[in-house]
Amino acid sequence: MATEAKDRIILALDFKTTGAARQMAATLREFVGPEMKIGPGLLLRGGRDFIIGLGRATGCGILLDLKFPDIPETVADAAEAAVEFGVSAFTVH
């Protein structure tokens, strides 16, 4: 099965407010692939409910871009917490 160009695009939601991120996600949803990226600032501003709600509202997976930089046990714990958020992917430094 052929992959469309948009399927290779991850929308980076690097905004200062959850409202701006939601608006951009809604505006560009049809033009991007199956995931949207959330960084640490937006995660801290929006929290767990924002992440879960954004994924449900857009039908997209969430790439949590926190670049977990710690000892393996701590990274494993953070990875478990990310999965509990329902994210589809996360970065490790």
N, C-alpha and C. Protein backbone atom coordinates (compact mmCIF):
# COMPACT_ATOMS: atom_id res chain seq x y z
N MET A 1 0.83 -1.17 0.00
CA MET A 1 0.00 0.00 0.00
C MET A 1 0.88 1.25 0.00
N ALA A 2 0.57 2.18 -0.86
CA ALA A 2 1.35 3.40 -0.98
C ALA A 2 1.08 4.34 0.18
N THR A 3 2.12 5.02 0.60
CA THR A 3 2.00 6.00 1.68
C THR A 3 1.83 7.38 1.06
N GLU A 4 0.84 8.12 1.55
CA GLU A 4 0.67 9.49 1.09
C GLU A 4 1.73 10.37 1.73
N ALA A 5 2.07 11.46 1.06
CA ALA A 5 3.07 12.38 1.60
C ALA A 5 2.67 12.89 2.97
N LYS A 6 1.40 13.18 3.17
CA LYS A 6 0.96 13.73 4.47
C LYS A 6 1.17 12.73 5.61
N ASP A 7 1.22 11.45 5.31
CA ASP A 7 1.40 10.44 6.34
C ASP A 7 2.80 10.48 6.96
N ARG A 8 3.70 11.22 6.32
CA ARG A 8 5.07 11.36 6.85
C ARG A 8 5.26 12.68 7.59
N ILE A 9 4.19 13.45 7.76
CA ILE A 9 4.27 14.75 8.43
C ILE A 9 3.73 14.65 9.85
N ILE A 10 4.55 15.02 10.81
CA ILE A 10 4.13 15.10 12.21
C ILE A 10 4.01 16.58 12.54
N LEU A 11 2.84 17.01 12.97
CA LEU A 11 2.61 18.41 13.31
C LEU A 11 3.19 18.71 14.69
N ALA A 12 4.14 19.64 14.75
CA ALA A 12 4.75 20.05 16.01
C ALA A 12 3.90 21.16 16.63
N LEU A 13 3.28 20.87 17.74
CA LEU A 13 2.43 21.85 18.42
C LEU A 13 3.24 22.57 19.49
N ASP A 14 4.17 23.39 19.05
CA ASP A 14 5.05 24.13 19.96
C ASP A 14 4.45 25.51 20.24
N PHE A 15 3.38 25.52 21.03
CA PHE A 15 2.68 26.75 21.35
C PHE A 15 2.74 27.03 22.85
N LYS A 16 2.53 28.28 23.20
CA LYS A 16 2.54 28.69 24.61
C LYS A 16 1.20 28.42 25.30
N THR A 17 0.14 28.23 24.51
CA THR A 17 -1.18 28.00 25.11
C THR A 17 -1.83 26.76 24.50
N THR A 18 -2.65 26.12 25.30
CA THR A 18 -3.37 24.95 24.80
C THR A 18 -4.40 25.36 23.76
N GLY A 19 -4.97 26.55 23.92
CA GLY A 19 -5.95 27.02 22.94
C GLY A 19 -5.35 27.17 21.55
N ALA A 20 -4.16 27.75 21.48
CA ALA A 20 -3.48 27.91 20.19
C ALA A 20 -3.13 26.55 19.60
N ALA A 21 -2.69 25.63 20.44
CA ALA A 21 -2.36 24.27 19.97
C ALA A 21 -3.60 23.56 19.44
N ARG A 22 -4.70 23.65 20.17
CA ARG A 22 -5.96 23.03 19.71
C ARG A 22 -6.41 23.61 18.37
N GLN A 23 -6.32 24.93 18.26
CA GLN A 23 -6.75 25.59 17.02
C GLN A 23 -5.90 25.13 15.84
N MET A 24 -4.59 25.09 16.02
CA MET A 24 -3.70 24.66 14.94
C MET A 24 -3.95 23.20 14.58
N ALA A 25 -4.14 22.36 15.59
CA ALA A 25 -4.41 20.94 15.34
C ALA A 25 -5.68 20.78 14.53
N ALA A 26 -6.73 21.51 14.88
CA ALA A 26 -7.99 21.41 14.15
C ALA A 26 -7.86 21.95 12.73
N THR A 27 -7.11 23.02 12.58
CA THR A 27 -6.95 23.65 11.27
C THR A 27 -6.16 22.77 10.30
N LEU A 28 -5.11 22.13 10.80
CA LEU A 28 -4.21 21.37 9.91
C LEU A 28 -4.42 19.87 9.93
N ARG A 29 -5.37 19.37 10.71
CA ARG A 29 -5.54 17.92 10.87
C ARG A 29 -5.59 17.17 9.54
N GLU A 30 -6.32 17.68 8.58
CA GLU A 30 -6.48 16.95 7.32
C GLU A 30 -5.21 16.94 6.46
N PHE A 31 -4.23 17.76 6.83
CA PHE A 31 -3.01 17.87 6.03
C PHE A 31 -1.79 17.18 6.63
N VAL A 32 -1.95 16.58 7.81
CA VAL A 32 -0.82 15.95 8.49
C VAL A 32 -1.08 14.47 8.71
N GLY A 33 -0.03 13.79 9.11
CA GLY A 33 -0.10 12.36 9.33
C GLY A 33 -0.77 11.96 10.62
N PRO A 34 -0.48 10.76 11.04
CA PRO A 34 -1.22 10.18 12.16
C PRO A 34 -0.76 10.59 13.56
N GLU A 35 0.24 11.48 13.66
CA GLU A 35 0.73 11.89 14.98
C GLU A 35 0.94 13.40 15.05
N MET A 36 0.79 13.92 16.27
CA MET A 36 1.11 15.32 16.56
C MET A 36 2.08 15.34 17.73
N LYS A 37 3.07 16.26 17.65
CA LYS A 37 4.14 16.32 18.66
C LYS A 37 3.81 17.34 19.74
N ILE A 38 3.99 16.92 20.98
CA ILE A 38 3.82 17.78 22.15
C ILE A 38 5.15 17.83 22.89
N GLY A 39 5.62 19.02 23.19
CA GLY A 39 6.87 19.19 23.94
C GLY A 39 6.59 19.44 25.41
N PRO A 40 7.65 19.65 26.19
CA PRO A 40 7.50 19.79 27.64
C PRO A 40 6.68 21.01 28.07
N GLY A 41 6.85 22.13 27.39
CA GLY A 41 6.11 23.33 27.79
C GLY A 41 4.61 23.14 27.68
N LEU A 42 4.16 22.61 26.54
CA LEU A 42 2.72 22.41 26.35
C LEU A 42 2.19 21.30 27.25
N LEU A 43 3.00 20.29 27.49
CA LEU A 43 2.58 19.23 28.42
C LEU A 43 2.34 19.82 29.81
N LEU A 44 3.27 20.63 30.28
CA LEU A 44 3.13 21.21 31.61
C LEU A 44 1.98 22.20 31.70
N ARG A 45 1.74 22.92 30.61
CA ARG A 45 0.63 23.86 30.61
C ARG A 45 -0.72 23.16 30.51
N GLY A 46 -0.79 22.10 29.73
CA GLY A 46 -2.07 21.45 29.48
C GLY A 46 -2.36 20.25 30.35
N GLY A 47 -1.32 19.52 30.71
CA GLY A 47 -1.47 18.35 31.55
C GLY A 47 -2.06 17.14 30.84
N ARG A 48 -2.32 16.15 31.65
CA ARG A 48 -2.79 14.85 31.17
C ARG A 48 -4.11 14.95 30.41
N ASP A 49 -5.06 15.69 30.94
CA ASP A 49 -6.36 15.81 30.29
C ASP A 49 -6.26 16.45 28.91
N PHE A 50 -5.37 17.43 28.78
CA PHE A 50 -5.16 18.07 27.49
C PHE A 50 -4.62 17.07 26.47
N ILE A 51 -3.60 16.30 26.87
CA ILE A 51 -2.99 15.32 25.97
C ILE A 51 -4.03 14.29 25.51
N ILE A 52 -4.74 13.73 26.45
CA ILE A 52 -5.75 12.72 26.12
C ILE A 52 -6.84 13.33 25.24
N GLY A 53 -7.32 14.51 25.61
CA GLY A 53 -8.37 15.16 24.84
C GLY A 53 -7.95 15.51 23.43
N LEU A 54 -6.72 15.96 23.26
CA LEU A 54 -6.24 16.31 21.93
C LEU A 54 -6.17 15.07 21.04
N GLY A 55 -5.68 13.98 21.59
CA GLY A 55 -5.63 12.74 20.82
C GLY A 55 -7.02 12.29 20.39
N ARG A 56 -7.97 12.36 21.30
CA ARG A 56 -9.35 11.96 20.98
C ARG A 56 -9.99 12.90 19.97
N ALA A 57 -9.81 14.20 20.15
CA ALA A 57 -10.44 15.18 19.28
C ALA A 57 -9.92 15.12 17.85
N THR A 58 -8.65 14.81 17.69
CA THR A 58 -8.05 14.80 16.35
C THR A 58 -7.97 13.41 15.73
N GLY A 59 -8.09 12.38 16.57
CA GLY A 59 -7.90 11.02 16.06
C GLY A 59 -6.43 10.71 15.80
N CYS A 60 -5.55 11.54 16.32
CA CYS A 60 -4.11 11.37 16.11
C CYS A 60 -3.45 10.75 17.32
N GLY A 61 -2.35 10.09 17.06
CA GLY A 61 -1.48 9.68 18.14
C GLY A 61 -0.69 10.89 18.60
N ILE A 62 -0.18 10.84 19.81
CA ILE A 62 0.61 11.93 20.35
C ILE A 62 2.05 11.47 20.52
N LEU A 63 2.97 12.20 19.88
CA LEU A 63 4.40 11.99 20.06
C LEU A 63 4.84 12.92 21.18
N LEU A 64 5.16 12.37 22.32
CA LEU A 64 5.58 13.15 23.48
C LEU A 64 7.09 13.35 23.38
N ASP A 65 7.49 14.58 23.05
CA ASP A 65 8.89 14.89 22.78
C ASP A 65 9.53 15.52 24.01
N LEU A 66 9.88 14.67 24.98
CA LEU A 66 10.51 15.14 26.21
C LEU A 66 11.98 14.77 26.29
N LYS A 67 12.45 13.92 25.40
CA LYS A 67 13.85 13.48 25.38
C LYS A 67 14.30 13.03 26.76
N PHE A 68 13.59 12.06 27.31
CA PHE A 68 13.87 11.57 28.65
C PHE A 68 15.38 11.32 28.84
N PRO A 69 16.07 12.16 29.66
CA PRO A 69 17.52 12.02 29.82
C PRO A 69 17.90 11.58 31.24
N ASP A 70 17.83 10.30 31.53
CA ASP A 70 18.12 9.91 32.90
C ASP A 70 18.62 8.47 32.92
N ILE A 71 18.79 7.94 34.11
CA ILE A 71 19.23 6.56 34.25
C ILE A 71 18.09 5.64 33.77
N PRO A 72 18.43 4.43 33.34
CA PRO A 72 17.43 3.55 32.73
C PRO A 72 16.17 3.33 33.57
N GLU A 73 16.30 3.17 34.87
CA GLU A 73 15.12 2.92 35.70
C GLU A 73 14.17 4.11 35.70
N THR A 74 14.72 5.31 35.73
CA THR A 74 13.89 6.52 35.72
C THR A 74 13.23 6.72 34.37
N VAL A 75 13.98 6.44 33.30
CA VAL A 75 13.41 6.54 31.96
C VAL A 75 12.29 5.51 31.79
N ALA A 76 12.49 4.31 32.31
CA ALA A 76 11.45 3.28 32.23
C ALA A 76 10.18 3.72 32.95
N ASP A 77 10.34 4.35 34.11
CA ASP A 77 9.20 4.85 34.85
C ASP A 77 8.48 5.95 34.07
N ALA A 78 9.24 6.86 33.47
CA ALA A 78 8.65 7.93 32.65
C ALA A 78 7.95 7.34 31.43
N ALA A 79 8.53 6.31 30.84
CA ALA A 79 7.90 5.65 29.70
C ALA A 79 6.56 5.03 30.08
N GLU A 80 6.50 4.40 31.24
CA GLU A 80 5.23 3.83 31.71
C GLU A 80 4.19 4.93 31.90
N ALA A 81 4.60 6.06 32.48
CA ALA A 81 3.68 7.17 32.68
C ALA A 81 3.19 7.72 31.34
N ALA A 82 4.08 7.81 30.36
CA ALA A 82 3.69 8.29 29.03
C ALA A 82 2.65 7.37 28.40
N VAL A 83 2.84 6.08 28.55
CA VAL A 83 1.86 5.12 28.02
C VAL A 83 0.52 5.30 28.71
N GLU A 84 0.54 5.57 30.01
CA GLU A 84 -0.71 5.82 30.73
C GLU A 84 -1.42 7.07 30.20
N PHE A 85 -0.66 8.04 29.67
CA PHE A 85 -1.26 9.22 29.04
C PHE A 85 -1.91 8.84 27.72
N GLY A 86 -1.54 7.70 27.16
CA GLY A 86 -2.07 7.29 25.88
C GLY A 86 -1.25 7.77 24.69
N VAL A 87 -0.01 8.21 24.93
CA VAL A 87 0.80 8.67 23.81
C VAL A 87 1.21 7.49 22.95
N SER A 88 1.41 7.77 21.66
CA SER A 88 1.77 6.70 20.74
C SER A 88 3.29 6.56 20.59
N ALA A 89 4.04 7.60 20.98
CA ALA A 89 5.49 7.55 20.87
C ALA A 89 6.08 8.61 21.81
N PHE A 90 7.36 8.44 22.15
CA PHE A 90 8.07 9.43 22.95
C PHE A 90 9.54 9.35 22.59
N THR A 91 10.27 10.42 22.90
CA THR A 91 11.69 10.45 22.58
C THR A 91 12.52 10.19 23.82
N VAL A 92 13.67 9.56 23.61
CA VAL A 92 14.63 9.29 24.68
C VAL A 92 15.95 9.91 24.23
N HIS A 93 16.60 10.63 25.13
CA HIS A 93 17.85 11.31 24.78
C HIS A 93 18.99 10.33 24.86
